[in-house]
């Protein structure tokens, strides 16, 4: 079976989260920002039970493609579970930590205006 491209792996994760009724699913292309992954996927679960169920769905979908996660953290409390699939890092969070940490803002590329881009560095 051919390996999944990072984009296809991201799509697989997003579909698994959507199938589990995750809320506010967001995939962020971080290839130009970091070498640790190509995509970050962030999703919200309404409760610790749903967060755990969503992470299980992602892990099951990866296993069906013969992929083993590099690591999984946060399963004890299920407030925020991080799944490292190599090219894709998945954050499944309850609403409060998602609002507090605002990971999307951290990983969105900084927007530069033409004036700022043209200004000499001092």
Protein backbone atom coordinates (compact mmCIF):
# COMPACT_ATOMS: atom_id res chain seq x y z
CA UNK A 1 0.00 0.00 0.00
CA UNK A 2 1.54 3.36 -1.01
CA UNK A 3 2.27 5.86 1.75
CA UNK A 4 -0.16 8.68 2.26
CA UNK A 5 0.95 12.14 1.23
CA UNK A 6 0.82 14.71 4.04
CA UNK A 7 -2.26 16.30 2.41
CA UNK A 8 -4.08 12.95 2.17
CA UNK A 9 -3.19 12.17 5.80
CA UNK A 10 -4.56 15.58 6.80
CA UNK A 11 -7.76 14.86 4.85
CA UNK A 12 -8.06 11.45 6.55
CA UNK A 13 -7.76 13.08 9.98
CA UNK A 14 -10.29 15.79 9.14
CA UNK A 15 -12.76 13.17 7.87
CA UNK A 16 -12.37 11.06 11.03
CA UNK A 17 -13.00 14.13 13.19
CA UNK A 18 -15.98 15.18 11.10
CA UNK A 19 -17.45 11.66 11.30
CA UNK A 20 -17.18 11.93 15.10
CA UNK A 21 -19.08 15.24 15.10
CA UNK A 22 -16.09 17.36 16.12
CA UNK A 23 -16.75 21.08 16.11
CA UNK A 24 -14.72 23.87 14.51
CA UNK A 25 -12.27 21.61 12.66
CA UNK A 26 -9.40 23.63 11.28
CA UNK A 27 -6.39 22.43 9.32
CA UNK A 28 -3.42 24.76 9.13
CA UNK A 29 -0.64 24.37 6.56
CA UNK A 30 2.55 24.95 8.56
CA UNK A 31 5.11 23.82 5.97
CA UNK A 32 6.56 27.33 5.63
CA UNK A 33 6.58 27.92 9.38
CA UNK A 34 8.18 24.82 10.90
CA UNK A 35 9.90 21.57 10.04
CA UNK A 36 8.12 19.54 12.74
CA UNK A 37 5.03 18.86 10.59
CA UNK A 38 3.29 19.82 7.37
CA UNK A 39 -0.18 20.31 8.84
CA UNK A 40 -1.77 21.00 12.21
CA UNK A 41 -5.36 19.92 12.67
CA UNK A 42 -7.29 21.45 15.55
CA UNK A 43 -10.79 20.38 16.57
CA UNK A 44 -13.15 20.83 19.49
CA UNK A 45 -15.01 18.16 21.42
CA UNK A 46 -17.80 19.19 23.79
CA UNK A 47 -16.71 16.95 26.68
CA UNK A 48 -13.79 14.81 27.86
CA UNK A 49 -15.69 11.76 26.63
CA UNK A 50 -16.10 13.20 23.13
CA UNK A 51 -12.47 14.41 23.02
CA UNK A 52 -11.33 10.86 23.86
CA UNK A 53 -13.74 9.39 21.29
CA UNK A 54 -12.50 11.78 18.60
CA UNK A 55 -8.87 10.92 19.30
CA UNK A 56 -9.75 7.22 19.13
CA UNK A 57 -11.37 7.81 15.72
CA UNK A 58 -8.22 9.52 14.44
CA UNK A 59 -6.01 6.73 15.78
CA UNK A 60 -8.27 4.05 14.27
CA UNK A 61 -8.26 5.79 10.87
CA UNK A 62 -4.45 5.99 10.97
CA UNK A 63 -4.14 2.32 11.96
CA UNK A 64 -6.40 1.32 9.05
CA UNK A 65 -3.72 2.86 6.81
CA UNK A 66 -0.96 1.02 8.73
CA UNK A 67 0.25 4.21 10.39
CA UNK A 68 1.47 4.24 13.96
CA UNK A 69 1.42 7.52 15.85
CA UNK A 70 4.77 8.86 16.99
CA UNK A 71 3.11 9.88 20.24
CA UNK A 72 -0.18 10.55 21.97
CA UNK A 73 -0.49 12.82 24.99
CA UNK A 74 -3.34 13.96 27.22
CA UNK A 75 -5.51 10.85 27.23
CA UNK A 76 -5.66 10.74 31.04
CA UNK A 77 -7.75 13.90 31.39
CA UNK A 78 -9.00 14.19 27.79
CA UNK A 79 -9.12 17.96 28.10
CA UNK A 80 -6.59 18.29 25.27
CA UNK A 81 -5.27 15.29 23.38
CA UNK A 82 -2.33 15.68 21.04
CA UNK A 83 -1.67 13.04 18.39
CA UNK A 84 1.63 13.20 16.49
CA UNK A 85 1.30 11.42 13.17
CA UNK A 86 4.57 12.79 11.81
CA UNK A 87 3.47 14.96 8.90
CA UNK A 88 0.24 15.87 10.71
CA UNK A 89 -0.14 16.87 14.35
CA UNK A 90 -3.67 16.71 15.72
CA UNK A 91 -5.02 18.70 18.66
CA UNK A 92 -8.44 17.63 19.97
CA UNK A 93 -9.51 20.03 22.68
CA UNK A 94 -12.42 20.92 24.89
CA UNK A 95 -13.79 24.44 24.27
CA UNK A 96 -12.08 26.17 27.22
CA UNK A 97 -8.45 25.22 26.44
CA UNK A 98 -9.04 25.83 22.75
CA UNK A 99 -10.28 29.34 23.44
CA UNK A 100 -7.46 29.99 25.92
CA UNK A 101 -4.54 28.78 23.76
CA UNK A 102 -5.89 29.84 20.34
CA UNK A 103 -3.48 27.57 18.46
CA UNK A 104 -4.76 28.74 15.09
CA UNK A 105 -3.34 32.20 15.75
CA UNK A 106 -0.01 30.72 16.80
CA UNK A 107 0.37 28.78 13.55
CA UNK A 108 -1.15 31.16 11.04
CA UNK A 109 1.49 32.80 8.89
CA UNK A 110 2.16 36.39 9.90
CA UNK A 111 0.59 38.80 7.46
CA UNK A 112 2.95 41.48 6.21
CA UNK A 113 1.87 44.56 4.35
CA UNK A 114 3.71 45.69 1.24
CA UNK A 115 5.06 48.68 3.15
CA UNK A 116 6.40 46.45 5.92
CA UNK A 117 7.90 44.03 3.40
CA UNK A 118 9.58 46.85 1.50
CA UNK A 119 10.89 48.66 4.59
CA UNK A 120 14.58 48.17 5.26
CA UNK A 121 15.53 46.22 8.36
CA UNK A 122 17.25 48.35 10.97
